[in-house]
Amino acid sequence: MSFDDMLTERIHEAEDILKSCLPEEKGFQKTVLEAMNYSVLAGGKRLRPVLMKETYVLFGGNGSVVEPFMAALEMIHNYSLVHDDLPAMDNDEYRRGRKTTWVVYGDGMAVLAGDALLNYAFETAAKAFDLVLTESGFDKNPENAADAVVLYRAVTKAMQILAQKAGIYGMVGGQCADITGEELAPEEVTEELLLYIHKNKTAALIESAMMIGAVLAGASDEEVKQVEKIAENIGIAFQIQDDILDVTSSLEVLGKATGSDEKNHKVTYVTLNGLEKSKEDVRRLSEEALQGLSRFGRRNLFLEELVKQLITREK
């Protein structure tokens, strides 16, 4: 089976898991539920749940306890996109080739849809606690109590990672720095500030994905710390590549309007460092991530190839 076939298979798996967790569109709150589902089901690479599952596999995980977290993280990612697209933020009318949520449902309902996805993400992730007894085998054999305790603690730690990486010391903190950075004169925007934004606004959720996968599979604290650094490199490279594509791609290929950074007079990694250095830094960060993935005494070749593909992606 080719890499593309394996990736498609994994994307479909992530999509099925996500769909199984989405709310039914009914009741007096039906409109916000429709807006939530419209946002989440707009397509996308499903990169974060795939990275989570493959890191889980890398460290020997083979159960279903990871699935609620896969869905939850994708909900959080999509809530951030709904809010990013709002007129008060990036003011984007297209994402993934179709109208953004605020254009279809209005900006007020889009705010609510984002809020709802964030709350529902933690509702979904918490379902992992219900799987502890069956995943550990304690429900059939009380002698597995120690395994149940270990897994329960792992789920608790995964919840903490999910919350922190999505919050003020992660994605929200990065978004805050991004907004306040736009108020600065171009010459005041430093590479340190941009890297902080990239690390938190983009890389934090990729760190969350891979760290949670490792934690749930029983990785050691030191291994989880190494995974966090690998994911940071992947996330920063991913965002720099986004900046590159905003300059070099098109609406037809990217699925959203290009040139928005220039239109909004936004300083990016590309405008600060130039196109060639940006491309070189994407390659360097990706290579460091690949080297890190090969040092655990076990390999996941699909995961390594996925990281390689991020270097040359066109959308």
C-alpha atoms as a PDB file:
ATOM      1  CA  MET A   1       0.000   0.000   0.000  1.00  0.00           C
ATOM      2  CA  SER A   2       1.371   3.438  -0.953  1.00  0.00           C
ATOM      3  CA  PHE A   3       1.852   6.252   1.546  1.00  0.00           C
ATOM      4  CA  ASP A   4      -1.030   8.197  -0.013  1.00  0.00           C
ATOM      5  CA  ASP A   5      -3.324   5.187   0.388  1.00  0.00           C
ATOM      6  CA  MET A   6      -2.273   4.741   4.014  1.00  0.00           C
ATOM      7  CA  LEU A   7      -2.786   8.439   4.697  1.00  0.00           C
ATOM      8  CA  THR A   8      -6.234   8.361   3.112  1.00  0.00           C
ATOM      9  CA  GLU A   9      -7.121   5.343   5.247  1.00  0.00           C
ATOM     10  CA  ARG A  10      -6.020   7.109   8.414  1.00  0.00           C
ATOM     11  CA  ILE A  11      -7.812  10.327   7.496  1.00  0.00           C
ATOM     12  CA  HIS A  12     -11.017   8.351   6.943  1.00  0.00           C
ATOM     13  CA  GLU A  13     -10.555   6.673  10.321  1.00  0.00           C
ATOM     14  CA  ALA A  14     -10.112  10.046  12.033  1.00  0.00           C
ATOM     15  CA  GLU A  15     -13.121  11.396  10.129  1.00  0.00           C
ATOM     16  CA  ASP A  16     -15.310   8.474  11.211  1.00  0.00           C
ATOM     17  CA  ILE A  17     -14.262   8.873  14.838  1.00  0.00           C
ATOM     18  CA  LEU A  18     -14.986  12.602  14.674  1.00  0.00           C
ATOM     19  CA  LYS A  19     -18.404  12.123  13.049  1.00  0.00           C
ATOM     20  CA  SER A  20     -19.383   9.565  15.667  1.00  0.00           C
ATOM     21  CA  CYS A  21     -18.802  12.175  18.375  1.00  0.00           C
ATOM     22  CA  LEU A  22     -20.656  15.120  16.820  1.00  0.00           C
ATOM     23  CA  PRO A  23     -23.999  16.256  18.251  1.00  0.00           C
ATOM     24  CA  GLU A  24     -27.349  15.629  16.589  1.00  0.00           C
ATOM     25  CA  GLU A  25     -28.841  18.750  15.012  1.00  0.00           C
ATOM     26  CA  LYS A  26     -32.116  19.165  16.874  1.00  0.00           C
ATOM     27  CA  GLY A  27     -33.783  21.226  19.602  1.00  0.00           C
ATOM     28  CA  PHE A  28     -33.988  24.967  20.181  1.00  0.00           C
ATOM     29  CA  GLN A  29     -30.187  25.144  19.877  1.00  0.00           C
ATOM     30  CA  LYS A  30     -30.299  23.498  16.449  1.00  0.00           C
ATOM     31  CA  THR A  31     -28.722  26.451  14.628  1.00  0.00           C
ATOM     32  CA  VAL A  32     -25.562  26.465  16.687  1.00  0.00           C
ATOM     33  CA  LEU A  33     -25.327  22.678  16.323  1.00  0.00           C
ATOM     34  CA  GLU A  34     -25.605  23.048  12.549  1.00  0.00           C
ATOM     35  CA  ALA A  35     -22.902  25.729  12.588  1.00  0.00           C
ATOM     36  CA  MET A  36     -20.639  23.506  14.699  1.00  0.00           C
ATOM     37  CA  ASN A  37     -21.024  20.554  12.349  1.00  0.00           C
ATOM     38  CA  TYR A  38     -20.674  22.754   9.264  1.00  0.00           C
ATOM     39  CA  SER A  39     -17.345  23.980  10.616  1.00  0.00           C
ATOM     40  CA  VAL A  40     -15.989  20.575  11.610  1.00  0.00           C
ATOM     41  CA  LEU A  41     -17.149  18.721   8.496  1.00  0.00           C
ATOM     42  CA  ALA A  42     -15.700  21.225   6.025  1.00  0.00           C
ATOM     43  CA  GLY A  43     -12.907  18.793   5.246  1.00  0.00           C
ATOM     44  CA  GLY A  44      -9.271  19.313   6.117  1.00  0.00           C
ATOM     45  CA  LYS A  45      -6.139  17.268   6.570  1.00  0.00           C
ATOM     46  CA  ARG A  46      -7.130  15.865  10.009  1.00  0.00           C
ATOM     47  CA  LEU A  47      -3.418  16.198  10.716  1.00  0.00           C
ATOM     48  CA  ARG A  48      -3.700  16.455  14.486  1.00  0.00           C
ATOM     49  CA  PRO A  49      -5.793  13.332  15.180  1.00  0.00           C
ATOM     50  CA  VAL A  50      -3.645  11.365  12.727  1.00  0.00           C
ATOM     51  CA  LEU A  51      -0.464  12.540  14.476  1.00  0.00           C
ATOM     52  CA  MET A  52      -1.998  11.623  17.831  1.00  0.00           C
ATOM     53  CA  LYS A  53      -2.932   8.120  16.723  1.00  0.00           C
ATOM     54  CA  GLU A  54       0.421   7.465  15.043  1.00  0.00           C
ATOM     55  CA  THR A  55       2.367   8.625  18.114  1.00  0.00           C
ATOM     56  CA  TYR A  56       0.128   6.369  20.199  1.00  0.00           C
ATOM     57  CA  VAL A  57       1.068   3.482  17.894  1.00  0.00           C
ATOM     58  CA  LEU A  58       4.760   4.458  18.009  1.00  0.00           C
ATOM     59  CA  PHE A  59       4.808   3.885  21.768  1.00  0.00           C
ATOM     60  CA  GLY A  60       2.869   0.632  21.608  1.00  0.00           C
ATOM     61  CA  GLY A  61      -0.699   1.823  22.083  1.00  0.00           C
ATOM     62  CA  ASN A  62      -3.382  -0.435  20.621  1.00  0.00           C
ATOM     63  CA  GLY A  63      -6.679   0.477  22.296  1.00  0.00           C
ATOM     64  CA  SER A  64      -9.540   2.907  21.747  1.00  0.00           C
ATOM     65  CA  VAL A  65      -8.877   5.228  24.695  1.00  0.00           C
ATOM     66  CA  VAL A  66      -7.131   7.616  22.302  1.00  0.00           C
ATOM     67  CA  GLU A  67     -10.233   8.092  20.137  1.00  0.00           C
ATOM     68  CA  PRO A  68     -12.159  10.615  22.297  1.00  0.00           C
ATOM     69  CA  PHE A  69      -9.015  12.747  22.389  1.00  0.00           C
ATOM     70  CA  MET A  70      -8.598  12.517  18.606  1.00  0.00           C
ATOM     71  CA  ALA A  71     -12.101  13.922  18.138  1.00  0.00           C
ATOM     72  CA  ALA A  72     -11.720  16.494  20.904  1.00  0.00           C
ATOM     73  CA  LEU A  73      -8.507  17.955  19.531  1.00  0.00           C
ATOM     74  CA  GLU A  74     -10.002  18.307  16.058  1.00  0.00           C
ATOM     75  CA  MET A  75     -12.966  20.141  17.590  1.00  0.00           C
ATOM     76  CA  ILE A  76     -10.600  22.535  19.352  1.00  0.00           C
ATOM     77  CA  HIS A  77      -8.630  23.077  16.155  1.00  0.00           C
ATOM     78  CA  ASN A  78     -11.826  23.855  14.239  1.00  0.00           C
ATOM     79  CA  TYR A  79     -13.155  26.202  16.917  1.00  0.00           C
ATOM     80  CA  SER A  80      -9.939  28.191  16.554  1.00  0.00           C
ATOM     81  CA  LEU A  81     -10.425  28.359  12.775  1.00  0.00           C
ATOM     82  CA  VAL A  82     -14.018  29.557  13.145  1.00  0.00           C
ATOM     83  CA  HIS A  83     -12.837  32.388  15.374  1.00  0.00           C
ATOM     84  CA  ASP A  84      -9.757  33.124  13.241  1.00  0.00           C
ATOM     85  CA  ASP A  85     -11.956  33.682  10.192  1.00  0.00           C
ATOM     86  CA  LEU A  86     -14.183  36.256  11.915  1.00  0.00           C
ATOM     87  CA  PRO A  87     -14.185  39.873  10.686  1.00  0.00           C
ATOM     88  CA  ALA A  88     -12.598  40.974  13.961  1.00  0.00           C
ATOM     89  CA  MET A  89      -9.729  38.522  13.443  1.00  0.00           C
ATOM     90  CA  ASP A  90      -8.464  37.558   9.947  1.00  0.00           C
ATOM     91  CA  ASN A  91     -11.699  38.459   8.114  1.00  0.00           C
ATOM     92  CA  ASP A  92     -11.523  35.455   5.774  1.00  0.00           C
ATOM     93  CA  GLU A  93     -14.524  34.490   3.646  1.00  0.00           C
ATOM     94  CA  TYR A  94     -13.230  31.140   2.375  1.00  0.00           C
ATOM     95  CA  ARG A  95     -11.704  28.115   4.054  1.00  0.00           C
ATOM     96  CA  ARG A  96     -11.142  24.666   2.524  1.00  0.00           C
ATOM     97  CA  GLY A  97     -12.827  25.814  -0.658  1.00  0.00           C
ATOM     98  CA  ARG A  98     -16.143  26.965   0.782  1.00  0.00           C
ATOM     99  CA  LYS A  99     -17.647  29.906   2.666  1.00  0.00           C
ATOM    100  CA  THR A 100     -16.472  30.312   6.244  1.00  0.00           C
ATOM    101  CA  THR A 101     -18.858  29.782   9.137  1.00  0.00           C
ATOM    102  CA  TRP A 102     -19.457  33.464   9.893  1.00  0.00           C
ATOM    103  CA  VAL A 103     -20.342  34.148   6.251  1.00  0.00           C
ATOM    104  CA  VAL A 104     -22.981  31.383   6.267  1.00  0.00           C
ATOM    105  CA  TYR A 105     -24.388  31.777   9.780  1.00  0.00           C
ATOM    106  CA  GLY A 106     -23.434  35.334  10.767  1.00  0.00           C
ATOM    107  CA  ASP A 107     -20.593  36.389  12.991  1.00  0.00           C
ATOM    108  CA  GLY A 108     -22.621  36.133  16.209  1.00  0.00           C
ATOM    109  CA  MET A 109     -23.571  32.515  15.573  1.00  0.00           C
ATOM    110  CA  ALA A 110     -20.006  31.772  14.488  1.00  0.00           C
ATOM    111  CA  VAL A 111     -18.744  33.013  17.862  1.00  0.00           C
ATOM    112  CA  LEU A 112     -21.228  30.703  19.583  1.00  0.00           C
ATOM    113  CA  ALA A 113     -20.257  27.788  17.330  1.00  0.00           C
ATOM    114  CA  GLY A 114     -16.598  28.237  18.273  1.00  0.00           C
ATOM    115  CA  ASP A 115     -17.467  28.463  21.963  1.00  0.00           C
ATOM    116  CA  ALA A 116     -19.656  25.383  21.678  1.00  0.00           C
ATOM    117  CA  LEU A 117     -16.933  23.354  19.943  1.00  0.00           C
ATOM    118  CA  LEU A 118     -14.448  24.202  22.679  1.00  0.00           C
ATOM    119  CA  ASN A 119     -16.828  23.117  25.438  1.00  0.00           C
ATOM    120  CA  TYR A 120     -17.973  20.035  23.554  1.00  0.00           C
ATOM    121  CA  ALA A 121     -14.359  19.026  22.980  1.00  0.00           C
ATOM    122  CA  PHE A 122     -13.799  18.554  26.707  1.00  0.00           C
ATOM    123  CA  GLU A 123     -17.150  16.814  27.039  1.00  0.00           C
ATOM    124  CA  THR A 124     -15.909  14.409  24.359  1.00  0.00           C
ATOM    125  CA  ALA A 125     -12.407  13.917  25.780  1.00  0.00           C
ATOM    126  CA  ALA A 126     -13.868  13.104  29.209  1.00  0.00           C
ATOM    127  CA  LYS A 127     -15.492  10.009  27.678  1.00  0.00           C
ATOM    128  CA  ALA A 128     -12.022   8.430  27.784  1.00  0.00           C
ATOM    129  CA  PHE A 129     -12.505   7.943  31.530  1.00  0.00           C
ATOM    130  CA  ASP A 130     -15.416   5.637  30.748  1.00  0.00           C
ATOM    131  CA  LEU A 131     -13.055   3.412  28.742  1.00  0.00           C
ATOM    132  CA  VAL A 132     -10.479   2.905  31.500  1.00  0.00           C
ATOM    133  CA  LEU A 133     -12.065  -0.184  33.045  1.00  0.00           C
ATOM    134  CA  THR A 134     -12.512  -2.034  29.758  1.00  0.00           C
ATOM    135  CA  GLU A 135      -9.182  -0.920  28.252  1.00  0.00           C
ATOM    136  CA  SER A 136      -7.259  -2.040  31.335  1.00  0.00           C
ATOM    137  CA  GLY A 137      -9.193  -5.309  31.595  1.00  0.00           C
ATOM    138  CA  PHE A 138     -10.264  -4.475  35.155  1.00  0.00           C
ATOM    139  CA  ASP A 139     -13.939  -4.997  34.299  1.00  0.00           C
ATOM    140  CA  LYS A 140     -13.227  -8.688  33.678  1.00  0.00           C
ATOM    141  CA  ASN A 141     -10.340  -9.253  36.057  1.00  0.00           C
ATOM    142  CA  PRO A 142      -9.972  -7.288  39.322  1.00  0.00           C
ATOM    143  CA  GLU A 143      -6.293  -8.271  39.396  1.00  0.00           C
ATOM    144  CA  ASN A 144      -5.778  -5.633  36.703  1.00  0.00           C
ATOM    145  CA  ALA A 145      -6.470  -2.861  39.201  1.00  0.00           C
ATOM    146  CA  ALA A 146      -2.903  -1.532  38.934  1.00  0.00           C
ATOM    147  CA  ASP A 147      -3.230  -1.246  35.147  1.00  0.00           C
ATOM    148  CA  ALA A 148      -6.530   0.598  35.575  1.00  0.00           C
ATOM    149  CA  VAL A 149      -4.899   3.112  37.927  1.00  0.00           C
ATOM    150  CA  VAL A 150      -2.023   3.680  35.485  1.00  0.00           C
ATOM    151  CA  LEU A 151      -4.405   4.286  32.587  1.00  0.00           C
ATOM    152  CA  TYR A 152      -6.677   6.502  34.685  1.00  0.00           C
ATOM    153  CA  ARG A 153      -3.670   8.667  35.555  1.00  0.00           C
ATOM    154  CA  ALA A 154      -2.651   8.747  31.887  1.00  0.00           C
ATOM    155  CA  VAL A 155      -6.115   9.975  30.865  1.00  0.00           C
ATOM    156  CA  THR A 156      -5.956  12.627  33.588  1.00  0.00           C
ATOM    157  CA  LYS A 157      -2.554  13.791  32.335  1.00  0.00           C
ATOM    158  CA  ALA A 158      -3.848  13.819  28.755  1.00  0.00           C
ATOM    159  CA  MET A 159      -6.750  16.050  29.833  1.00  0.00           C
ATOM    160  CA  GLN A 160      -4.290  18.453  31.454  1.00  0.00           C
ATOM    161  CA  ILE A 161      -2.165  18.585  28.295  1.00  0.00           C
ATOM    162  CA  LEU A 162      -5.247  19.189  26.148  1.00  0.00           C
ATOM    163  CA  ALA A 163      -6.359  22.086  28.351  1.00  0.00           C
ATOM    164  CA  GLN A 164      -2.951  23.716  28.716  1.00  0.00           C
ATOM    165  CA  LYS A 165      -1.935  23.539  25.064  1.00  0.00           C
ATOM    166  CA  ALA A 166      -5.285  25.003  23.973  1.00  0.00           C
ATOM    167  CA  GLY A 167      -5.291  27.754  26.585  1.00  0.00           C
ATOM    168  CA  ILE A 168      -3.509  30.892  27.723  1.00  0.00           C
ATOM    169  CA  TYR A 169      -0.131  29.136  27.885  1.00  0.00           C
ATOM    170  CA  GLY A 170      -0.681  27.608  24.455  1.00  0.00           C
ATOM    171  CA  MET A 171      -2.902  28.423  21.471  1.00  0.00           C
ATOM    172  CA  VAL A 172      -4.881  31.282  23.042  1.00  0.00           C
ATOM    173  CA  GLY A 173      -1.642  32.856  24.274  1.00  0.00           C
ATOM    174  CA  GLY A 174      -0.260  32.643  20.745  1.00  0.00           C
ATOM    175  CA  GLN A 175      -3.399  34.191  19.300  1.00  0.00           C
ATOM    176  CA  CYS A 176      -3.153  37.020  21.820  1.00  0.00           C
ATOM    177  CA  ALA A 177       0.463  37.715  20.807  1.00  0.00           C
ATOM    178  CA  ASP A 178      -0.610  37.583  17.146  1.00  0.00           C
ATOM    179  CA  ILE A 179      -3.334  40.206  17.622  1.00  0.00           C
ATOM    180  CA  THR A 180      -1.207  42.541  19.739  1.00  0.00           C
ATOM    181  CA  GLY A 181       1.671  42.078  17.306  1.00  0.00           C
ATOM    182  CA  GLU A 182      -0.502  43.458  14.512  1.00  0.00           C
ATOM    183  CA  GLU A 183      -0.659  46.739  16.422  1.00  0.00           C
ATOM    184  CA  LEU A 184       3.115  47.127  16.221  1.00  0.00           C
ATOM    185  CA  ALA A 185       4.968  48.915  13.467  1.00  0.00           C
ATOM    186  CA  PRO A 186       6.516  46.398  11.023  1.00  0.00           C
ATOM    187  CA  GLU A 187      10.028  47.184  12.226  1.00  0.00           C
ATOM    188  CA  GLU A 188       8.984  46.361  15.810  1.00  0.00           C
ATOM    189  CA  VAL A 189       7.951  42.779  14.935  1.00  0.00           C
ATOM    190  CA  THR A 190      10.896  40.569  15.854  1.00  0.00           C
ATOM    191  CA  GLU A 191      11.686  36.990  14.937  1.00  0.00           C
ATOM    192  CA  GLU A 192      11.409  36.156  18.654  1.00  0.00           C
ATOM    193  CA  LEU A 193       7.809  37.392  18.665  1.00  0.00           C
ATOM    194  CA  LEU A 194       6.947  35.521  15.465  1.00  0.00           C
ATOM    195  CA  LEU A 195       8.432  32.273  16.775  1.00  0.00           C
ATOM    196  CA  TYR A 196       6.464  32.697  20.018  1.00  0.00           C
ATOM    197  CA  ILE A 197       3.284  33.114  17.957  1.00  0.00           C
ATOM    198  CA  HIS A 198       4.080  30.097  15.776  1.00  0.00           C
ATOM    199  CA  LYS A 199       5.043  27.923  18.751  1.00  0.00           C
ATOM    200  CA  ASN A 200       1.844  28.692  20.599  1.00  0.00           C
ATOM    201  CA  LYS A 201      -0.781  29.511  17.990  1.00  0.00           C
ATOM    202  CA  THR A 202       0.065  26.554  15.736  1.00  0.00           C
ATOM    203  CA  ALA A 203       2.608  24.216  17.311  1.00  0.00           C
ATOM    204  CA  ALA A 204       0.824  23.937  20.673  1.00  0.00           C
ATOM    205  CA  LEU A 205      -2.000  21.798  19.274  1.00  0.00           C
ATOM    206  CA  ILE A 206       0.460  19.595  17.399  1.00  0.00           C
ATOM    207  CA  GLU A 207       2.406  19.217  20.643  1.00  0.00           C
ATOM    208  CA  SER A 208      -0.879  18.345  22.340  1.00  0.00           C
ATOM    209  CA  ALA A 209      -1.646  15.703  19.710  1.00  0.00           C
ATOM    210  CA  MET A 210       1.660  13.909  19.910  1.00  0.00           C
ATOM    211  CA  MET A 211       2.131  14.249  23.677  1.00  0.00           C
ATOM    212  CA  ILE A 212      -1.349  12.845  24.364  1.00  0.00           C
ATOM    213  CA  GLY A 213      -0.679   9.933  22.024  1.00  0.00           C
ATOM    214  CA  ALA A 214       2.569   9.191  23.852  1.00  0.00           C
ATOM    215  CA  VAL A 215       1.060   9.577  27.334  1.00  0.00           C
ATOM    216  CA  LEU A 216      -1.902   7.292  26.634  1.00  0.00           C
ATOM    217  CA  ALA A 217       0.437   4.628  25.258  1.00  0.00           C
ATOM    218  CA  GLY A 218       2.525   4.660  28.445  1.00  0.00           C
ATOM    219  CA  ALA A 219       5.584   6.679  27.355  1.00  0.00           C
ATOM    220  CA  SER A 220       7.926   7.856  30.119  1.00  0.00           C
ATOM    221  CA  ASP A 221       8.058  11.492  31.239  1.00  0.00           C
ATOM    222  CA  GLU A 222      11.386  11.921  29.461  1.00  0.00           C
ATOM    223  CA  GLU A 223      10.000  10.468  26.242  1.00  0.00           C
ATOM    224  CA  VAL A 224       6.985  12.765  26.447  1.00  0.00           C
ATOM    225  CA  LYS A 225       9.324  15.736  26.848  1.00  0.00           C
ATOM    226  CA  GLN A 226      11.249  14.652  23.746  1.00  0.00           C
ATOM    227  CA  VAL A 227       7.990  14.240  21.827  1.00  0.00           C
ATOM    228  CA  GLU A 228       7.003  17.784  22.830  1.00  0.00           C
ATOM    229  CA  LYS A 229      10.186  19.201  21.255  1.00  0.00           C
ATOM    230  CA  ILE A 230       9.734  17.116  18.095  1.00  0.00           C
ATOM    231  CA  ALA A 231       6.145  18.358  17.791  1.00  0.00           C
ATOM    232  CA  GLU A 232       7.250  21.949  18.371  1.00  0.00           C
ATOM    233  CA  ASN A 233       9.608  21.684  15.396  1.00  0.00           C
ATOM    234  CA  ILE A 234       6.872  20.140  13.257  1.00  0.00           C
ATOM    235  CA  GLY A 235       4.390  22.844  14.266  1.00  0.00           C
ATOM    236  CA  ILE A 236       6.706  25.774  13.593  1.00  0.00           C
ATOM    237  CA  ALA A 237       7.723  24.278  10.240  1.00  0.00           C
ATOM    238  CA  PHE A 238       4.048  23.743   9.424  1.00  0.00           C
ATOM    239  CA  GLN A 239       3.196  27.390  10.140  1.00  0.00           C
ATOM    240  CA  ILE A 240       6.165  28.748   8.203  1.00  0.00           C
ATOM    241  CA  GLN A 241       5.001  26.599   5.291  1.00  0.00           C
ATOM    242  CA  ASP A 242       1.558  28.201   5.667  1.00  0.00           C
ATOM    243  CA  ASP A 243       3.206  31.618   5.384  1.00  0.00           C
ATOM    244  CA  ILE A 244       5.060  30.428   2.280  1.00  0.00           C
ATOM    245  CA  LEU A 245       1.852  29.120   0.686  1.00  0.00           C
ATOM    246  CA  ASP A 246       0.080  32.430   1.349  1.00  0.00           C
ATOM    247  CA  VAL A 247       2.657  33.968  -0.988  1.00  0.00           C
ATOM    248  CA  THR A 248       3.116  31.205  -3.570  1.00  0.00           C
ATOM    249  CA  SER A 249      -0.203  29.314  -3.815  1.00  0.00           C
ATOM    250  CA  SER A 250      -3.702  30.103  -5.144  1.00  0.00           C
ATOM    251  CA  LEU A 251      -7.336  29.924  -3.999  1.00  0.00           C
ATOM    252  CA  GLU A 252      -7.908  26.895  -6.246  1.00  0.00           C
ATOM    253  CA  VAL A 253      -5.018  24.931  -4.715  1.00  0.00           C
ATOM    254  CA  LEU A 254      -5.159  26.186  -1.135  1.00  0.00           C
ATOM    255  CA  GLY A 255      -8.941  26.312  -0.726  1.00  0.00           C
ATOM    256  CA  LYS A 256      -8.844  29.811   0.780  1.00  0.00           C
ATOM    257  CA  ALA A 257      -7.823  33.240  -0.396  1.00  0.00           C
ATOM    258  CA  THR A 258      -4.082  33.772  -0.716  1.00  0.00           C
ATOM    259  CA  GLY A 259      -2.282  37.033  -0.129  1.00  0.00           C
ATOM    260  CA  SER A 260      -4.379  37.711   2.978  1.00  0.00           C
ATOM    261  CA  ASP A 261      -1.281  38.404   5.063  1.00  0.00           C
ATOM    262  CA  GLU A 262      -0.159  41.101   2.623  1.00  0.00           C
ATOM    263  CA  LYS A 263      -3.710  42.475   2.379  1.00  0.00           C
ATOM    264  CA  ASN A 264      -3.849  42.786   6.170  1.00  0.00           C
ATOM    265  CA  HIS A 265      -0.326  44.286   6.283  1.00  0.00           C
ATOM    266  CA  LYS A 266       0.737  41.391   8.460  1.00  0.00           C
ATOM    267  CA  VAL A 267       4.393  40.689   9.157  1.00  0.00           C
ATOM    268  CA  THR A 268       5.071  36.972   8.674  1.00  0.00           C
ATOM    269  CA  TYR A 269       8.098  34.716   8.820  1.00  0.00           C
ATOM    270  CA  VAL A 270       8.407  35.107   5.046  1.00  0.00           C
ATOM    271  CA  THR A 271       8.251  38.909   5.023  1.00  0.00           C
ATOM    272  CA  LEU A 272      10.778  39.031   7.860  1.00  0.00           C
ATOM    273  CA  ASN A 273      13.249  36.430   6.583  1.00  0.00           C
ATOM    274  CA  GLY A 274      12.545  36.082   2.874  1.00  0.00           C
ATOM    275  CA  LEU A 275      11.217  33.145   0.902  1.00  0.00           C
ATOM    276  CA  GLU A 276      14.433  31.159   0.526  1.00  0.00           C
ATOM    277  CA  LYS A 277      15.439  31.298   4.209  1.00  0.00           C
ATOM    278  CA  SER A 278      11.878  30.384   5.184  1.00  0.00           C
ATOM    279  CA  LYS A 279      12.001  27.311   2.949  1.00  0.00           C
ATOM    280  CA  GLU A 280      15.387  26.340   4.376  1.00  0.00           C
ATOM    281  CA  ASP A 281      14.122  26.687   7.958  1.00  0.00           C
ATOM    282  CA  VAL A 282      11.145  24.438   7.132  1.00  0.00           C
ATOM    283  CA  ARG A 283      13.597  21.800   5.883  1.00  0.00           C
ATOM    284  CA  ARG A 284      15.886  22.178   8.904  1.00  0.00           C
ATOM    285  CA  LEU A 285      13.104  21.943  11.494  1.00  0.00           C
ATOM    286  CA  SER A 286      11.566  18.958   9.736  1.00  0.00           C
ATOM    287  CA  GLU A 287      14.912  17.139   9.602  1.00  0.00           C
ATOM    288  CA  GLU A 288      15.447  17.730  13.327  1.00  0.00           C
ATOM    289  CA  ALA A 289      11.982  16.315  14.002  1.00  0.00           C
ATOM    290  CA  LEU A 290      12.737  13.230  11.916  1.00  0.00           C
ATOM    291  CA  GLN A 291      16.009  12.655  13.731  1.00  0.00           C
ATOM    292  CA  GLY A 292      14.155  12.879  17.042  1.00  0.00           C
ATOM    293  CA  LEU A 293      11.533  10.356  15.953  1.00  0.00           C
ATOM    294  CA  SER A 294      14.236   7.816  15.135  1.00  0.00           C
ATOM    295  CA  ARG A 295      15.770   7.848  18.627  1.00  0.00           C
ATOM    296  CA  PHE A 296      13.115   6.004  20.635  1.00  0.00           C
ATOM    297  CA  GLY A 297      14.360   2.501  19.894  1.00  0.00           C
ATOM    298  CA  ARG A 298      11.215   1.850  17.870  1.00  0.00           C
ATOM    299  CA  ARG A 299      10.051   3.260  14.557  1.00  0.00           C
ATOM    300  CA  ASN A 300       6.812   4.328  12.935  1.00  0.00           C
ATOM    301  CA  LEU A 301       7.770   4.735   9.291  1.00  0.00           C
ATOM    302  CA  PHE A 302       4.376   6.110   8.322  1.00  0.00           C
ATOM    303  CA  LEU A 303       4.698   8.857  10.943  1.00  0.00           C
ATOM    304  CA  GLU A 304       8.163   9.740   9.676  1.00  0.00           C
ATOM    305  CA  GLU A 305       6.939   9.912   6.086  1.00  0.00           C
ATOM    306  CA  LEU A 306       4.025  12.094   7.166  1.00  0.00           C
ATOM    307  CA  VAL A 307       6.458  14.612   8.672  1.00  0.00           C
ATOM    308  CA  LYS A 308       8.456  14.582   5.422  1.00  0.00           C
ATOM    309  CA  GLN A 309       5.306  15.312   3.445  1.00  0.00           C
ATOM    310  CA  LEU A 310       4.676  18.449   5.500  1.00  0.00           C
ATOM    311  CA  ILE A 311       7.813  19.968   3.974  1.00  0.00           C
ATOM    312  CA  THR A 312       6.523  19.873   0.406  1.00  0.00           C
ATOM    313  CA  ARG A 313       2.745  20.194   0.907  1.00  0.00           C
ATOM    314  CA  GLU A 314       0.929  22.592  -1.408  1.00  0.00           C
ATOM    315  CA  LYS A 315      -2.202  23.106   0.690  1.00  0.00           C
END
